[in-house]
Amino acid sequence: MGNHQFPFLFATVGFSILEFYSALINHFKNIDNIINASVEELENVDEIGGKIAQSLVNHFQIEENKKSIEILKSFGLQLELNEENNLLSEKLKDNLIVISGVFKIYSRDELKKIIEEHAGKNVASISKKTTFVLAGENIGPSKRTKAESLGIPFVSESEFLNMIS
């Protein structure tokens, strides 16, 4: 029997499976590009480090795992990004945005959708690549400290809405 074990994908704390797959598909556009990606190319995806990248490469080197993908395709499962997206603008293009805190006007999920509709990327954790923190009330102290230490600006909900209007 072949290796049906999933690659080492879910060990990062606080990073949801949906965000992980969303980051992969948004970067590579389809499963074939993911399958053929090198470790270095995978590490260029936000939130993917060396261990996860190597795990993915190892996973797709196993022929049976590639066959499983082909079977899913044969059943009509869409494994590519539909390029007919519904962007409202590109005002947030190339922006990596962390959402933190509690908001008055929109929910966190609504804010994530708004970011995507304006070509921005919502990322789970603060890094030197983060453009800004979309900050509501009661930001976690560790996120605040990390953003401040990296010199990453905080943008309020109303400032954010002005940016995209």
C-alpha atoms as a PDB file:
ATOM      1  CA  MET A   1       0.000   0.000   0.000  1.00  0.00           C
ATOM      2  CA  GLY A   2       1.285   3.488  -0.880  1.00  0.00           C
ATOM      3  CA  ASN A   3       1.995   6.454   1.291  1.00  0.00           C
ATOM      4  CA  HIS A   4      -1.301   8.265   1.852  1.00  0.00           C
ATOM      5  CA  GLN A   5       0.047  10.292   4.722  1.00  0.00           C
ATOM      6  CA  PHE A   6      -0.509  14.005   4.299  1.00  0.00           C
ATOM      7  CA  PRO A   7       2.591  16.124   4.147  1.00  0.00           C
ATOM      8  CA  PHE A   8       3.767  18.010   7.207  1.00  0.00           C
ATOM      9  CA  LEU A   9       1.347  20.886   6.652  1.00  0.00           C
ATOM     10  CA  PHE A  10      -0.505  21.608   9.805  1.00  0.00           C
ATOM     11  CA  ALA A  11       2.133  21.914  12.500  1.00  0.00           C
ATOM     12  CA  THR A  12       2.241  25.709  12.477  1.00  0.00           C
ATOM     13  CA  VAL A  13       0.330  27.024  15.435  1.00  0.00           C
ATOM     14  CA  GLY A  14      -2.510  29.431  14.692  1.00  0.00           C
ATOM     15  CA  PHE A  15      -2.490  28.918  10.934  1.00  0.00           C
ATOM     16  CA  SER A  16      -5.710  27.447   9.590  1.00  0.00           C
ATOM     17  CA  ILE A  17      -5.809  24.822   6.885  1.00  0.00           C
ATOM     18  CA  LEU A  18      -8.007  27.048   4.730  1.00  0.00           C
ATOM     19  CA  GLU A  19      -5.521  29.946   4.915  1.00  0.00           C
ATOM     20  CA  PHE A  20      -2.707  27.562   4.034  1.00  0.00           C
ATOM     21  CA  TYR A  21      -4.412  26.211   0.922  1.00  0.00           C
ATOM     22  CA  SER A  22      -5.636  29.656  -0.036  1.00  0.00           C
ATOM     23  CA  ALA A  23      -2.073  31.000   0.096  1.00  0.00           C
ATOM     24  CA  LEU A  24      -0.829  28.108  -2.047  1.00  0.00           C
ATOM     25  CA  ILE A  25      -3.522  28.347  -4.719  1.00  0.00           C
ATOM     26  CA  ASN A  26      -3.377  32.147  -4.877  1.00  0.00           C
ATOM     27  CA  HIS A  27       0.368  31.983  -5.436  1.00  0.00           C
ATOM     28  CA  PHE A  28       0.565  29.027  -7.848  1.00  0.00           C
ATOM     29  CA  LYS A  29      -2.911  29.285  -9.495  1.00  0.00           C
ATOM     30  CA  ASN A  30      -3.341  25.494  -9.923  1.00  0.00           C
ATOM     31  CA  ILE A  31      -2.405  22.125  -8.433  1.00  0.00           C
ATOM     32  CA  ASP A  32       0.008  21.242 -11.258  1.00  0.00           C
ATOM     33  CA  ASN A  33       2.145  24.287 -10.468  1.00  0.00           C
ATOM     34  CA  ILE A  34       2.163  23.272  -6.799  1.00  0.00           C
ATOM     35  CA  ILE A  35       3.148  19.698  -7.668  1.00  0.00           C
ATOM     36  CA  ASN A  36       6.022  20.916  -9.849  1.00  0.00           C
ATOM     37  CA  ALA A  37       7.252  23.649  -7.484  1.00  0.00           C
ATOM     38  CA  SER A  38      10.698  23.492  -5.925  1.00  0.00           C
ATOM     39  CA  VAL A  39      11.354  23.947  -2.214  1.00  0.00           C
ATOM     40  CA  GLU A  40      12.613  27.471  -2.937  1.00  0.00           C
ATOM     41  CA  GLU A  41       9.483  28.383  -4.929  1.00  0.00           C
ATOM     42  CA  LEU A  42       7.232  27.056  -2.165  1.00  0.00           C
ATOM     43  CA  GLU A  43       9.130  29.049   0.472  1.00  0.00           C
ATOM     44  CA  ASN A  44       8.233  32.219  -1.458  1.00  0.00           C
ATOM     45  CA  VAL A  45       4.585  31.707  -0.470  1.00  0.00           C
ATOM     46  CA  ASP A  46       3.577  33.705   2.597  1.00  0.00           C
ATOM     47  CA  GLU A  47       3.592  31.625   5.759  1.00  0.00           C
ATOM     48  CA  ILE A  48       5.373  28.586   4.237  1.00  0.00           C
ATOM     49  CA  GLY A  49       8.732  27.712   5.673  1.00  0.00           C
ATOM     50  CA  GLY A  50      11.378  25.175   4.816  1.00  0.00           C
ATOM     51  CA  LYS A  51       9.889  22.156   6.592  1.00  0.00           C
ATOM     52  CA  ILE A  52       6.464  22.562   5.020  1.00  0.00           C
ATOM     53  CA  ALA A  53       7.966  23.258   1.588  1.00  0.00           C
ATOM     54  CA  GLN A  54      10.167  20.152   1.767  1.00  0.00           C
ATOM     55  CA  SER A  55       7.220  18.086   2.992  1.00  0.00           C
ATOM     56  CA  LEU A  56       5.129  19.159  -0.005  1.00  0.00           C
ATOM     57  CA  VAL A  57       7.928  18.357  -2.445  1.00  0.00           C
ATOM     58  CA  ASN A  58       8.395  14.926  -0.829  1.00  0.00           C
ATOM     59  CA  HIS A  59       4.654  14.270  -0.899  1.00  0.00           C
ATOM     60  CA  PHE A  60       4.339  14.956  -4.615  1.00  0.00           C
ATOM     61  CA  GLN A  61       7.424  12.902  -5.494  1.00  0.00           C
ATOM     62  CA  ILE A  62       5.410   9.816  -4.584  1.00  0.00           C
ATOM     63  CA  GLU A  63       3.734   8.593  -7.765  1.00  0.00           C
ATOM     64  CA  GLU A  64       0.645   7.309  -5.973  1.00  0.00           C
ATOM     65  CA  ASN A  65      -0.026  10.787  -4.562  1.00  0.00           C
ATOM     66  CA  LYS A  66       0.143  12.276  -8.072  1.00  0.00           C
ATOM     67  CA  LYS A  67      -2.285   9.583  -9.273  1.00  0.00           C
ATOM     68  CA  SER A  68      -4.708  10.553  -6.494  1.00  0.00           C
ATOM     69  CA  ILE A  69      -4.729  14.114  -7.831  1.00  0.00           C
ATOM     70  CA  GLU A  70      -5.402  12.840 -11.367  1.00  0.00           C
ATOM     71  CA  ILE A  71      -8.347  10.790 -10.069  1.00  0.00           C
ATOM     72  CA  LEU A  72      -9.789  13.863  -8.338  1.00  0.00           C
ATOM     73  CA  LYS A  73      -9.423  15.835 -11.589  1.00  0.00           C
ATOM     74  CA  SER A  74     -11.154  13.055 -13.538  1.00  0.00           C
ATOM     75  CA  PHE A  75     -14.168  13.419 -11.235  1.00  0.00           C
ATOM     76  CA  GLY A  76     -14.327  17.116 -12.080  1.00  0.00           C
ATOM     77  CA  LEU A  77     -12.840  18.578  -8.924  1.00  0.00           C
ATOM     78  CA  GLN A  78     -11.601  22.077  -9.738  1.00  0.00           C
ATOM     79  CA  LEU A  79      -7.980  22.310  -8.673  1.00  0.00           C
ATOM     80  CA  GLU A  80      -7.160  25.689 -10.104  1.00  0.00           C
ATOM     81  CA  LEU A  81      -7.905  29.291  -9.337  1.00  0.00           C
ATOM     82  CA  ASN A  82     -10.665  30.773 -11.431  1.00  0.00           C
ATOM     83  CA  GLU A  83      -9.039  33.877 -12.894  1.00  0.00           C
ATOM     84  CA  GLU A  84     -12.428  35.559 -13.241  1.00  0.00           C
ATOM     85  CA  ASN A  85     -12.216  37.046  -9.797  1.00  0.00           C
ATOM     86  CA  ASN A  86     -14.303  39.877  -8.514  1.00  0.00           C
ATOM     87  CA  LEU A  87     -11.690  42.504  -7.715  1.00  0.00           C
ATOM     88  CA  LEU A  88     -13.157  45.870  -6.926  1.00  0.00           C
ATOM     89  CA  SER A  89      -9.760  47.566  -7.200  1.00  0.00           C
ATOM     90  CA  GLU A  90      -6.042  46.955  -6.880  1.00  0.00           C
ATOM     91  CA  LYS A  91      -5.599  49.584  -4.157  1.00  0.00           C
ATOM     92  CA  LEU A  92      -4.114  47.002  -1.793  1.00  0.00           C
ATOM     93  CA  LYS A  93      -2.014  45.157  -4.375  1.00  0.00           C
ATOM     94  CA  ASP A  94       1.228  43.801  -2.898  1.00  0.00           C
ATOM     95  CA  ASN A  95       0.027  44.663   0.627  1.00  0.00           C
ATOM     96  CA  LEU A  96       0.387  41.965   3.279  1.00  0.00           C
ATOM     97  CA  ILE A  97      -2.111  42.807   6.020  1.00  0.00           C
ATOM     98  CA  VAL A  98      -2.554  41.308   9.479  1.00  0.00           C
ATOM     99  CA  ILE A  99      -5.982  41.744  11.065  1.00  0.00           C
ATOM    100  CA  SER A 100      -5.960  42.006  14.854  1.00  0.00           C
ATOM    101  CA  GLY A 101      -8.454  43.085  17.484  1.00  0.00           C
ATOM    102  CA  VAL A 102     -12.206  43.622  17.619  1.00  0.00           C
ATOM    103  CA  PHE A 103     -13.899  45.850  15.031  1.00  0.00           C
ATOM    104  CA  LYS A 104     -16.997  48.048  15.160  1.00  0.00           C
ATOM    105  CA  ILE A 105     -18.213  48.114  11.542  1.00  0.00           C
ATOM    106  CA  TYR A 106     -17.133  44.829   9.948  1.00  0.00           C
ATOM    107  CA  SER A 107     -16.376  41.335  11.215  1.00  0.00           C
ATOM    108  CA  ARG A 108     -12.908  39.881  10.732  1.00  0.00           C
ATOM    109  CA  ASP A 109     -14.199  37.618   7.932  1.00  0.00           C
ATOM    110  CA  GLU A 110     -15.773  40.605   6.178  1.00  0.00           C
ATOM    111  CA  LEU A 111     -12.484  42.521   6.462  1.00  0.00           C
ATOM    112  CA  LYS A 112     -10.572  39.562   4.978  1.00  0.00           C
ATOM    113  CA  LYS A 113     -12.977  39.545   2.039  1.00  0.00           C
ATOM    114  CA  ILE A 114     -12.610  43.317   1.557  1.00  0.00           C
ATOM    115  CA  ILE A 115      -8.818  42.981   1.560  1.00  0.00           C
ATOM    116  CA  GLU A 116      -9.004  40.279  -1.125  1.00  0.00           C
ATOM    117  CA  GLU A 117     -11.506  42.297  -3.197  1.00  0.00           C
ATOM    118  CA  HIS A 118      -8.922  45.091  -3.354  1.00  0.00           C
ATOM    119  CA  ALA A 119      -6.047  42.734  -4.324  1.00  0.00           C
ATOM    120  CA  GLY A 120      -4.446  42.642  -0.875  1.00  0.00           C
ATOM    121  CA  LYS A 121      -3.398  39.566   1.071  1.00  0.00           C
ATOM    122  CA  ASN A 122      -4.470  38.796   4.592  1.00  0.00           C
ATOM    123  CA  VAL A 123      -1.678  37.035   6.469  1.00  0.00           C
ATOM    124  CA  ALA A 124      -1.915  35.297   9.808  1.00  0.00           C
ATOM    125  CA  SER A 125       1.201  36.532  11.519  1.00  0.00           C
ATOM    126  CA  ILE A 126       3.361  39.629  11.634  1.00  0.00           C
ATOM    127  CA  SER A 127       6.720  39.541   9.876  1.00  0.00           C
ATOM    128  CA  LYS A 128       9.102  42.049   8.355  1.00  0.00           C
ATOM    129  CA  LYS A 129       7.107  41.593   5.107  1.00  0.00           C
ATOM    130  CA  THR A 130       3.848  42.823   6.706  1.00  0.00           C
ATOM    131  CA  THR A 131       2.644  46.120   5.182  1.00  0.00           C
ATOM    132  CA  PHE A 132       0.402  47.113   8.091  1.00  0.00           C
ATOM    133  CA  VAL A 133      -1.743  45.805  10.924  1.00  0.00           C
ATOM    134  CA  LEU A 134      -5.453  46.462  10.506  1.00  0.00           C
ATOM    135  CA  ALA A 135      -6.033  47.222  14.161  1.00  0.00           C
ATOM    136  CA  GLY A 136      -9.288  47.034  16.060  1.00  0.00           C
ATOM    137  CA  GLU A 137      -9.753  47.314  19.799  1.00  0.00           C
ATOM    138  CA  ASN A 138      -7.940  44.945  22.163  1.00  0.00           C
ATOM    139  CA  ILE A 139      -5.034  43.904  19.958  1.00  0.00           C
ATOM    140  CA  GLY A 140      -3.092  41.074  21.534  1.00  0.00           C
ATOM    141  CA  PRO A 141      -0.020  42.381  23.364  1.00  0.00           C
ATOM    142  CA  SER A 142       2.381  40.036  21.541  1.00  0.00           C
ATOM    143  CA  LYS A 143       1.162  41.210  18.121  1.00  0.00           C
ATOM    144  CA  ARG A 144       1.407  44.837  19.191  1.00  0.00           C
ATOM    145  CA  THR A 145       4.932  44.360  20.522  1.00  0.00           C
ATOM    146  CA  LYS A 146       6.119  42.480  17.436  1.00  0.00           C
ATOM    147  CA  ALA A 147       4.645  45.054  15.026  1.00  0.00           C
ATOM    148  CA  GLU A 148       6.150  47.933  16.994  1.00  0.00           C
ATOM    149  CA  SER A 149       9.576  46.255  17.120  1.00  0.00           C
ATOM    150  CA  LEU A 150       9.504  45.813  13.325  1.00  0.00           C
ATOM    151  CA  GLY A 151       8.216  49.350  12.703  1.00  0.00           C
ATOM    152  CA  ILE A 152       5.000  48.121  11.100  1.00  0.00           C
ATOM    153  CA  PRO A 153       2.239  50.744  11.114  1.00  0.00           C
ATOM    154  CA  PHE A 154      -1.188  50.271  12.675  1.00  0.00           C
ATOM    155  CA  VAL A 155      -4.214  51.273  10.580  1.00  0.00           C
ATOM    156  CA  SER A 156      -7.639  51.734  12.180  1.00  0.00           C
ATOM    157  CA  GLU A 157     -10.822  50.385  10.620  1.00  0.00           C
ATOM    158  CA  SER A 158     -11.898  53.876   9.505  1.00  0.00           C
ATOM    159  CA  GLU A 159      -8.443  54.660   8.052  1.00  0.00           C
ATOM    160  CA  PHE A 160      -8.565  51.342   6.201  1.00  0.00           C
ATOM    161  CA  LEU A 161     -11.994  52.106   4.737  1.00  0.00           C
ATOM    162  CA  ASN A 162     -10.688  55.493   3.557  1.00  0.00           C
ATOM    163  CA  MET A 163      -7.739  53.772   1.872  1.00  0.00           C
ATOM    164  CA  ILE A 164     -10.027  51.641  -0.306  1.00  0.00           C
ATOM    165  CA  SER A 165     -12.715  54.219  -1.069  1.00  0.00           C
END
